[in-house]
Amino acid sequence: MLVNESFAQHFGIPADEIIGKTIFELESSFEDSLVDPEQHFEMVRLEDETVLKGEPIHNPSDYVTDSHNITYIFDTQKSPLYNDQNEIIGILGVSRDVTERHLSQEAIEQSEVELRQKANELKLTLEQLQKTQAQIIQSEKMSSLGQMVAGVAHEINNPVNFISGNVKHAKSYINDLIQIIRLYQSEYPEPTETIQEVVEDLELDFIIEDIPKLLSSMTLGAERIQEIVKSLRNFSRLDESEMKSVDIHTGLDSTLMILQSRLKGKQDHTEIQVVKNYGELPLIECYPGQLNQVFMNILSNAIDALNGYSADKSPEELAEKPNQITITTQQLVSMSNTQNWILIRIHDNGAGIPEKVRKKLFNPFFTTKDVGKGTGLGLSISHSIVVEKHGGQLSCFSELGHGAEFMIEIPVCAKKT
C-alpha cells in the first residue's frame, strides 16, 4: 500500500503509519479526525467491494466531516489495479480536495439566484411604475376633460334654458295673435285693398300654417340641446371620489350621446348603427365617472376599428353588412345568491383582433394606431378601473372576420378601494 503526503497531512497521521495497512486497520487512527468514522468506513468498504469486482467508482462530491465539524468535499476516483494475468490485485484511489471550488460554485449559484430575484423585483417595480405613470397621465387628462366638459355644459345650459323658456311663451303669444287674426278675418271678411295686398305679399295663410311647425321645431331643438347638456354633465363626473348607486344605462347613453357625431355617416366614414339590448338592471354601486371613461374608451376603439374596416368596402357590401355596435346588458345571479353581478357586452362587427395583438391590449402604452393618434393608455386604464377599482373583470374575445367583443363584469356592490 502506498500513500502520498497530502493524504497523511490531511488526517494528521504520519505516512509511515499508514503504509502497509488496510483502511480498516487504520480505523482507530481516524477516529479522532472524523465525526462519524463508522459510517465513513462502512461507505468506504462498500465502495472497495464494488471496485474489487472490476467496477470503477467516481464520486465528484464526497463529503467528509472531521471532528471539528468542518466539512471537506473530495472528488474521489477509485479504479481496480490488474497484474499481468489481468487479475485484480488492488485499488488505486485518488481524492482531490475540491472544497474551495464547490464553495465558489455554490456562491456563484447563490449570486445567480439573488440576481434573478433582484431582476424580477426590478421588473415588477418597472411594471408598477409604468402602470402608475399611465394612471397619473390618464387621470390628469380625464380630470382636465371633465372640468372642460362641465364648464361647457354650464355655459350652454343657461342660454338654452332661456331660449326654451321663452319659446313656450312665444308659442302662447303667437297662438293668441293667430286667434285674433282669424277673428278679424271672420268679423271683417272684406278687408281694404291695401290690407289685401299686404296679406298676399306676406303669404299670411302660409305663415299662419307654418309658424306652429317652426315653434315646435325650435322646441325640439332646445330639448335636444338640453339632453346633450345633461349627457355632458353626466359624463363630466370623472373626478368624483365617492361611490354612488347609479343606473348603468344612463352612463352608456350619455357616452353614446357624446359620440353621436362619430356614429353618424359623413364623407370620410359611413354610419355606424347602435343596437341596444338592455336588460333589467338594479342600481350599481360604483364610480360612475370612471365607468363612463371605460365605456368611452371601448366605444371609441370600436368606432375606429369599424371606420378602418369599412374604408375599402363598396356601398353594396356595406348595405349587405352595415357597420354595427351592439351593447348588451344583463344581470348575473350566482347560484349561492351571495353576490350579484352585471355583465356589459360591447360587440362590433369589424375585422376582429389578431391573437398576438389581443394578448397585449391591456398593456400600458400598447397601441396599434399611428403616432399622434393614440397613447395606448385607454384600455390599460379601463382594465385598472374595472379590476382594481370595482373588483370586476374586463376581457376581450375576438375572431378574425367576426369583430371583437369586450365584456365588463362588475359586482352590484363593487369593492371599494
Protein backbone atom coordinates (compact mmCIF):
# COMPACT_ATOMS: atom_id res chain seq x y z
CA MET A 1 0.00 0.00 0.00
CA LEU A 2 1.23 3.46 -0.88
CA VAL A 3 0.02 6.87 0.22
CA ASN A 4 1.11 10.42 -0.59
CA GLU A 5 2.00 13.12 1.93
CA SER A 6 -1.14 15.22 1.24
CA PHE A 7 -3.39 12.36 2.40
CA ALA A 8 -1.33 11.82 5.53
CA GLN A 9 -1.17 15.52 6.39
CA HIS A 10 -4.91 16.00 5.88
CA PHE A 11 -5.77 13.43 8.53
CA GLY A 12 -2.78 14.22 10.74
CA ILE A 13 -1.34 10.69 10.61
CA PRO A 14 2.33 10.03 9.69
CA ALA A 15 2.69 8.37 6.29
CA ASP A 16 4.83 5.52 7.67
CA GLU A 17 1.99 4.57 9.99
CA ILE A 18 -0.38 4.25 7.04
CA ILE A 19 1.80 2.34 4.58
CA GLY A 20 1.31 -1.42 4.72
CA LYS A 21 -2.09 -1.28 6.41
CA THR A 22 -5.61 -1.59 5.07
CA ILE A 23 -8.12 1.19 5.51
CA PHE A 24 -9.93 -0.93 8.07
CA GLU A 25 -6.79 -1.42 10.13
CA LEU A 26 -6.47 2.37 10.25
CA GLU A 27 -10.00 2.89 11.52
CA SER A 28 -8.91 3.59 15.08
CA SER A 29 -6.32 6.14 13.84
CA PHE A 30 -9.06 8.10 12.03
CA GLU A 31 -11.46 8.19 14.97
CA ASP A 32 -10.07 11.50 16.19
CA SER A 33 -10.20 13.11 12.75
CA LEU A 34 -13.73 12.08 11.65
CA VAL A 35 -17.08 12.99 13.18
CA ASP A 36 -18.60 9.59 12.30
CA PRO A 37 -15.79 7.14 11.44
CA GLU A 38 -18.02 4.01 11.50
CA GLN A 39 -20.37 5.38 8.86
CA HIS A 40 -17.44 6.66 6.80
CA PHE A 41 -15.58 3.37 6.75
CA GLU A 42 -18.73 1.38 6.02
CA MET A 43 -19.17 3.53 2.92
CA VAL A 44 -15.50 3.00 2.00
CA ARG A 45 -15.89 -0.77 2.44
CA LEU A 46 -18.90 -0.90 0.12
CA GLU A 47 -17.09 1.20 -2.49
CA ASP A 48 -13.98 -1.01 -2.31
CA GLU A 49 -16.07 -4.16 -2.74
CA THR A 50 -17.55 -2.66 -5.90
CA VAL A 51 -14.13 -1.71 -7.28
CA LEU A 52 -12.68 -5.16 -6.48
CA LYS A 53 -15.41 -6.59 -8.68
CA GLY A 54 -13.96 -4.61 -11.58
CA GLU A 55 -16.25 -1.58 -11.50
CA PRO A 56 -14.50 1.81 -11.14
CA ILE A 57 -16.18 4.48 -8.99
CA HIS A 58 -16.23 8.24 -9.41
CA ASN A 59 -17.76 10.36 -6.64
CA PRO A 60 -17.29 14.07 -7.52
CA SER A 61 -18.89 15.22 -4.24
CA ASP A 62 -17.54 13.08 -1.44
CA TYR A 63 -18.44 14.93 1.78
CA VAL A 64 -16.28 14.23 4.85
CA THR A 65 -16.79 15.97 8.20
CA ASP A 66 -13.91 16.00 10.69
CA SER A 67 -14.05 16.05 14.45
CA HIS A 68 -14.00 19.85 14.43
CA ASN A 69 -17.26 19.77 12.50
CA ILE A 70 -15.55 21.09 9.36
CA THR A 71 -16.85 19.55 6.16
CA TYR A 72 -14.49 18.84 3.27
CA ILE A 73 -15.54 17.94 -0.24
CA PHE A 74 -13.41 15.49 -2.25
CA ASP A 75 -13.51 14.43 -5.87
CA THR A 76 -12.79 10.74 -5.39
CA GLN A 77 -11.98 8.19 -8.08
CA LYS A 78 -11.27 4.52 -7.45
CA SER A 79 -10.13 2.07 -10.10
CA PRO A 80 -9.07 -1.60 -9.90
CA LEU A 81 -5.33 -2.48 -10.31
CA TYR A 82 -4.51 -5.51 -12.50
CA ASN A 83 -1.45 -7.73 -12.75
CA ASP A 84 -0.05 -9.25 -15.93
CA GLN A 85 -2.62 -12.06 -15.75
CA ASN A 86 -5.39 -9.45 -15.74
CA GLU A 87 -6.22 -10.25 -12.13
CA ILE A 88 -7.30 -7.54 -9.68
CA ILE A 89 -4.61 -7.12 -7.10
CA GLY A 90 -5.55 -3.78 -5.55
CA ILE A 91 -7.27 -0.45 -5.75
CA LEU A 92 -5.97 2.91 -6.95
CA GLY A 93 -7.76 5.69 -5.09
CA VAL A 94 -7.33 9.37 -5.86
CA SER A 95 -9.09 12.08 -3.85
CA ARG A 96 -8.76 15.76 -4.66
CA ASP A 97 -9.84 18.38 -2.19
CA VAL A 98 -12.39 20.45 -4.15
CA THR A 99 -13.92 22.20 -1.16
CA GLU A 100 -12.98 25.69 -2.29
CA ARG A 101 -14.18 25.02 -5.84
CA HIS A 102 -17.52 23.76 -4.55
CA LEU A 103 -17.88 26.70 -2.20
CA SER A 104 -17.10 29.07 -5.06
CA GLN A 105 -19.63 27.31 -7.29
CA GLU A 106 -22.26 27.45 -4.56
CA ALA A 107 -21.52 31.14 -4.04
CA ILE A 108 -21.86 31.76 -7.79
CA GLU A 109 -25.14 29.83 -7.91
CA GLN A 110 -26.43 31.72 -4.88
CA SER A 111 -25.42 35.00 -6.50
CA GLU A 112 -27.24 33.99 -9.67
CA VAL A 113 -30.38 33.21 -7.64
CA GLU A 114 -30.14 36.55 -5.87
CA LEU A 115 -29.56 38.36 -9.18
CA ARG A 116 -32.59 36.66 -10.70
CA GLN A 117 -34.65 37.68 -7.68
CA LYS A 118 -33.39 41.25 -7.97
CA ALA A 119 -34.14 41.23 -11.71
CA ASN A 120 -37.68 40.00 -11.06
CA GLU A 121 -38.16 42.62 -8.36
CA LEU A 122 -36.89 45.34 -10.71
CA LYS A 123 -39.16 44.06 -13.47
CA LEU A 124 -42.19 44.18 -11.17
CA THR A 125 -41.17 47.63 -9.95
CA LEU A 126 -40.81 48.87 -13.54
CA GLU A 127 -44.20 47.46 -14.49
CA GLN A 128 -45.77 49.12 -11.45
CA LEU A 129 -44.08 52.42 -12.29
CA GLN A 130 -45.35 52.21 -15.88
CA LYS A 131 -48.81 51.41 -14.63
CA THR A 132 -48.72 54.26 -12.12
CA GLN A 133 -47.39 56.64 -14.77
CA ALA A 134 -50.22 55.63 -17.11
CA GLN A 135 -52.79 56.16 -14.38
CA ILE A 136 -51.40 59.58 -13.48
CA ILE A 137 -51.29 60.71 -17.12
CA GLN A 138 -54.79 59.46 -17.84
CA SER A 139 -56.21 60.78 -14.56
CA GLU A 140 -54.82 64.24 -15.27
CA LYS A 141 -56.10 64.07 -18.83
CA MET A 142 -59.58 62.95 -17.84
CA SER A 143 -59.77 65.37 -14.92
CA SER A 144 -59.00 68.25 -17.27
CA LEU A 145 -61.52 66.90 -19.76
CA GLY A 146 -64.14 66.59 -17.04
CA GLN A 147 -63.62 70.17 -15.92
CA MET A 148 -63.76 71.43 -19.51
CA VAL A 149 -66.92 69.41 -20.30
CA ALA A 150 -68.59 70.57 -17.09
CA GLY A 151 -67.72 74.18 -17.91
CA VAL A 152 -69.04 73.88 -21.48
CA ALA A 153 -72.23 72.22 -20.24
CA HIS A 154 -72.77 75.01 -17.72
CA GLU A 155 -72.20 77.76 -20.28
CA ILE A 156 -74.57 76.12 -22.77
CA ASN A 157 -77.20 75.30 -20.18
CA ASN A 158 -78.03 78.90 -19.20
CA PRO A 159 -78.83 80.30 -22.67
CA VAL A 160 -80.60 77.08 -23.68
CA ASN A 161 -82.86 77.28 -20.64
CA PHE A 162 -83.51 80.92 -21.51
CA ILE A 163 -84.42 80.01 -25.11
CA SER A 164 -86.51 77.02 -24.06
CA GLY A 165 -88.46 79.05 -21.52
CA ASN A 166 -89.12 81.93 -23.94
CA VAL A 167 -90.14 79.62 -26.78
CA LYS A 168 -93.01 78.37 -24.63
CA HIS A 169 -94.21 81.96 -24.03
CA ALA A 170 -93.66 82.90 -27.70
CA LYS A 171 -95.75 79.92 -28.77
CA SER A 172 -98.57 81.03 -26.46
CA TYR A 173 -98.38 84.66 -27.64
CA ILE A 174 -98.31 83.70 -31.32
CA ASN A 175 -101.29 81.40 -30.88
CA ASP A 176 -103.15 84.34 -29.35
CA LEU A 177 -102.19 86.58 -32.25
CA ILE A 178 -103.27 83.98 -34.79
CA GLN A 179 -106.57 83.68 -32.95
CA ILE A 180 -107.07 87.48 -33.22
CA ILE A 181 -106.18 87.41 -36.94
CA ARG A 182 -108.70 84.64 -37.51
CA LEU A 183 -111.28 86.66 -35.58
CA TYR A 184 -110.61 89.75 -37.73
CA GLN A 185 -110.94 87.64 -40.86
CA SER A 186 -114.24 86.31 -39.58
CA GLU A 187 -115.61 89.72 -38.48
CA TYR A 188 -114.23 91.65 -41.48
CA PRO A 189 -114.24 89.21 -44.40
CA GLU A 190 -113.78 92.08 -46.90
CA PRO A 191 -110.53 93.88 -46.00
CA THR A 192 -109.40 97.03 -47.70
CA GLU A 193 -107.38 96.81 -50.87
CA THR A 194 -104.19 97.84 -49.06
CA ILE A 195 -104.62 95.13 -46.41
CA GLN A 196 -105.40 92.58 -49.10
CA GLU A 197 -102.18 93.41 -50.96
CA VAL A 198 -100.09 93.08 -47.78
CA VAL A 199 -101.76 89.74 -46.93
CA GLU A 200 -100.92 88.40 -50.36
CA ASP A 201 -97.35 89.75 -50.34
CA LEU A 202 -96.62 88.23 -46.91
CA GLU A 203 -98.47 84.98 -47.71
CA LEU A 204 -100.33 85.26 -44.41
CA ASP A 205 -102.09 81.92 -44.78
CA PHE A 206 -98.73 80.14 -45.22
CA ILE A 207 -97.25 81.96 -42.19
CA ILE A 208 -100.23 81.03 -40.02
CA GLU A 209 -99.89 77.40 -41.09
CA ASP A 210 -96.09 77.19 -40.83
CA ILE A 211 -95.34 79.17 -37.67
CA PRO A 212 -96.63 76.44 -35.25
CA LYS A 213 -94.38 73.94 -37.04
CA LEU A 214 -91.47 76.39 -36.72
CA LEU A 215 -92.08 76.79 -32.97
CA SER A 216 -92.39 73.02 -32.49
CA SER A 217 -89.07 72.55 -34.32
CA MET A 218 -87.43 75.16 -32.08
CA THR A 219 -88.84 73.41 -29.01
CA LEU A 220 -87.46 70.05 -30.19
CA GLY A 221 -84.09 71.65 -30.89
CA ALA A 222 -83.96 73.20 -27.41
CA GLU A 223 -84.95 69.88 -25.82
CA ARG A 224 -82.24 68.12 -27.82
CA ILE A 225 -79.63 70.60 -26.64
CA GLN A 226 -80.84 70.11 -23.06
CA GLU A 227 -80.41 66.33 -23.47
CA ILE A 228 -76.88 66.84 -24.77
CA VAL A 229 -76.08 69.18 -21.88
CA LYS A 230 -77.46 66.61 -19.45
CA SER A 231 -75.27 63.92 -21.04
CA LEU A 232 -72.23 66.19 -20.86
CA ARG A 233 -72.86 66.90 -17.19
CA ASN A 234 -73.36 63.19 -16.51
CA PHE A 235 -70.19 62.24 -18.34
CA SER A 236 -68.15 65.01 -16.72
CA ARG A 237 -68.33 63.33 -13.30
CA LEU A 238 -64.84 61.99 -13.88
CA ASP A 239 -63.19 63.19 -10.71
CA GLU A 240 -65.81 62.08 -8.22
CA SER A 241 -64.05 60.24 -5.42
CA GLU A 242 -67.07 58.53 -3.86
CA MET A 243 -69.05 55.53 -4.97
CA LYS A 244 -72.65 56.14 -5.87
CA SER A 245 -75.63 53.99 -6.80
CA VAL A 246 -76.35 54.77 -10.44
CA ASP A 247 -78.15 53.44 -13.49
CA ILE A 248 -75.50 51.99 -15.79
CA HIS A 249 -77.74 52.57 -18.81
CA THR A 250 -77.64 56.31 -18.15
CA GLY A 251 -73.84 56.24 -18.36
CA LEU A 252 -73.93 54.24 -21.59
CA ASP A 253 -76.49 56.56 -23.16
CA SER A 254 -74.53 59.65 -22.11
CA THR A 255 -71.39 58.26 -23.71
CA LEU A 256 -73.25 57.40 -26.91
CA MET A 257 -74.70 60.92 -26.97
CA ILE A 258 -71.21 62.43 -26.85
CA LEU A 259 -70.04 60.04 -29.60
CA GLN A 260 -73.11 60.74 -31.75
CA SER A 261 -71.22 62.80 -34.31
CA ARG A 262 -68.76 59.96 -34.87
CA LEU A 263 -71.57 57.42 -35.27
CA LYS A 264 -73.32 59.41 -37.99
CA GLY A 265 -72.38 58.90 -41.61
CA LYS A 266 -70.05 61.53 -43.08
CA GLN A 267 -67.96 61.98 -46.18
CA ASP A 268 -64.94 60.20 -44.69
CA HIS A 269 -66.80 57.36 -42.98
CA THR A 270 -70.09 55.51 -43.10
CA GLU A 271 -72.82 55.43 -40.48
CA ILE A 272 -72.46 53.08 -37.55
CA GLN A 273 -75.66 51.57 -36.22
CA VAL A 274 -76.00 51.09 -32.46
CA VAL A 275 -78.18 48.24 -31.24
CA LYS A 276 -79.14 48.34 -27.56
CA ASN A 277 -80.13 45.10 -25.89
CA TYR A 278 -80.61 46.49 -22.39
CA GLY A 279 -81.74 44.10 -19.70
CA GLU A 280 -83.32 44.83 -16.33
CA LEU A 281 -80.53 46.02 -14.07
CA PRO A 282 -80.51 47.22 -10.47
CA LEU A 283 -78.71 50.38 -9.44
CA ILE A 284 -74.98 49.71 -9.35
CA GLU A 285 -72.68 50.95 -6.61
CA CYS A 286 -69.66 52.26 -8.50
CA TYR A 287 -67.56 55.24 -9.52
CA PRO A 288 -69.85 56.45 -12.33
CA GLY A 289 -67.42 58.87 -13.95
CA GLN A 290 -64.70 56.23 -14.16
CA LEU A 291 -67.04 53.67 -15.69
CA ASN A 292 -68.14 56.30 -18.22
CA GLN A 293 -64.46 56.60 -19.09
CA VAL A 294 -64.31 52.83 -19.68
CA PHE A 295 -67.35 52.99 -21.97
CA MET A 296 -65.82 55.91 -23.87
CA ASN A 297 -62.51 54.10 -24.42
CA ILE A 298 -64.09 50.86 -25.62
CA LEU A 299 -66.70 52.51 -27.85
CA SER A 300 -64.13 54.91 -29.36
CA ASN A 301 -61.87 51.97 -30.24
CA ALA A 302 -64.83 50.13 -31.77
CA ILE A 303 -65.68 53.17 -33.92
CA ASP A 304 -62.04 53.46 -35.06
CA ALA A 305 -61.95 49.75 -35.90
CA LEU A 306 -65.18 49.90 -37.91
CA ASN A 307 -64.11 53.02 -39.81
CA GLY A 308 -60.84 51.36 -40.77
CA TYR A 309 -62.56 48.09 -41.69
CA SER A 310 -65.18 49.70 -43.93
CA ALA A 311 -62.84 52.17 -45.67
CA ASP A 312 -62.23 49.84 -48.63
CA LYS A 313 -65.71 48.33 -48.83
CA SER A 314 -68.14 49.09 -51.60
CA PRO A 315 -71.60 50.61 -50.95
CA GLU A 316 -73.14 47.24 -51.85
CA GLU A 317 -71.03 45.42 -49.27
CA LEU A 318 -71.89 47.99 -46.60
CA ALA A 319 -75.57 47.76 -47.47
CA GLU A 320 -75.41 43.99 -47.04
CA LYS A 321 -73.43 44.19 -43.82
CA PRO A 322 -73.69 47.68 -42.26
CA ASN A 323 -71.30 48.79 -39.53
CA GLN A 324 -72.83 47.93 -36.19
CA ILE A 325 -72.08 48.13 -32.49
CA THR A 326 -74.25 46.00 -30.22
CA ILE A 327 -74.47 46.78 -26.50
CA THR A 328 -75.99 44.06 -24.32
CA THR A 329 -76.54 44.28 -20.57
CA GLN A 330 -77.80 41.65 -18.17
CA GLN A 331 -77.75 40.74 -14.52
CA LEU A 332 -75.85 37.63 -13.45
CA VAL A 333 -77.21 35.97 -10.32
CA SER A 334 -74.94 33.47 -8.60
CA MET A 335 -76.33 30.10 -7.59
CA SER A 336 -75.49 30.80 -3.95
CA ASN A 337 -77.10 34.24 -4.27
CA THR A 338 -74.20 35.68 -2.26
CA GLN A 339 -73.05 38.16 -4.87
CA ASN A 340 -74.91 39.54 -7.87
CA TRP A 341 -73.01 40.78 -10.89
CA ILE A 342 -73.87 42.67 -14.03
CA LEU A 343 -72.47 41.96 -17.48
CA ILE A 344 -71.96 44.58 -20.18
CA ARG A 345 -71.00 43.31 -23.63
CA ILE A 346 -69.89 45.72 -26.36
CA HIS A 347 -69.53 43.99 -29.72
CA ASP A 348 -68.56 45.36 -33.12
CA ASN A 349 -68.84 43.51 -36.42
CA GLY A 350 -65.50 44.72 -37.78
CA ALA A 351 -62.38 42.85 -38.86
CA GLY A 352 -61.56 41.40 -35.44
CA ILE A 353 -58.29 41.47 -33.50
CA PRO A 354 -55.32 39.15 -34.19
CA GLU A 355 -54.43 36.91 -31.25
CA LYS A 356 -50.92 38.36 -30.79
CA VAL A 357 -52.46 41.86 -30.57
CA ARG A 358 -55.34 40.78 -28.33
CA LYS A 359 -52.89 39.45 -25.73
CA LYS A 360 -51.30 42.91 -25.41
CA LEU A 361 -54.46 45.04 -25.42
CA PHE A 362 -54.38 45.87 -21.71
CA ASN A 363 -50.62 46.58 -21.53
CA PRO A 364 -49.75 50.22 -20.72
CA PHE A 365 -48.77 52.29 -23.77
CA PHE A 366 -49.56 49.50 -26.24
CA THR A 367 -51.31 50.84 -29.33
CA THR A 368 -51.81 49.82 -32.95
CA LYS A 369 -52.60 53.38 -34.03
CA ASP A 370 -50.23 55.70 -35.87
CA VAL A 371 -48.02 58.11 -33.94
CA GLY A 372 -50.07 61.02 -32.65
CA LYS A 373 -53.36 59.14 -32.91
CA GLY A 374 -53.27 57.19 -29.67
CA THR A 375 -51.33 56.93 -26.41
CA GLY A 376 -52.02 53.28 -25.70
CA LEU A 377 -53.45 54.16 -22.28
CA GLY A 378 -57.19 53.76 -22.83
CA LEU A 379 -57.63 50.02 -22.41
CA SER A 380 -54.90 49.75 -19.77
CA ILE A 381 -56.66 52.37 -17.63
CA SER A 382 -60.03 50.75 -18.36
CA HIS A 383 -58.71 47.40 -17.12
CA SER A 384 -57.40 49.06 -13.95
CA ILE A 385 -60.73 50.81 -13.31
CA VAL A 386 -62.79 47.64 -13.75
CA VAL A 387 -60.47 45.19 -11.98
CA GLU A 388 -58.79 47.24 -9.25
CA LYS A 389 -61.38 49.95 -8.57
CA HIS A 390 -64.50 47.79 -8.84
CA GLY A 391 -63.26 44.24 -8.22
CA GLY A 392 -64.60 43.16 -11.61
CA GLN A 393 -63.27 41.65 -14.82
CA LEU A 394 -62.57 43.11 -18.26
CA SER A 395 -61.88 40.69 -21.10
CA CYS A 396 -61.82 40.68 -24.87
CA PHE A 397 -62.87 37.93 -27.26
CA SER A 398 -62.31 38.16 -30.97
CA GLU A 399 -62.37 36.09 -34.12
CA LEU A 400 -60.88 37.44 -37.33
CA GLY A 401 -63.62 38.45 -39.71
CA HIS A 402 -66.27 38.45 -36.98
CA GLY A 403 -65.40 41.54 -34.98
CA ALA A 404 -64.45 41.89 -31.33
CA GLU A 405 -66.38 41.82 -28.09
CA PHE A 406 -65.40 43.41 -24.80
CA MET A 407 -67.04 42.01 -21.67
CA ILE A 408 -67.26 44.07 -18.49
CA GLU A 409 -68.30 42.21 -15.36
CA ILE A 410 -68.70 44.11 -12.10
CA PRO A 411 -70.48 43.25 -8.85
CA VAL A 412 -73.66 45.13 -7.99
CA CYS A 413 -71.93 46.23 -4.79
CA ALA A 414 -68.45 46.99 -6.07
CA LYS A 415 -65.32 46.57 -3.98
CA LYS A 416 -64.16 49.88 -2.54
CA THR A 417 -60.51 50.80 -2.90
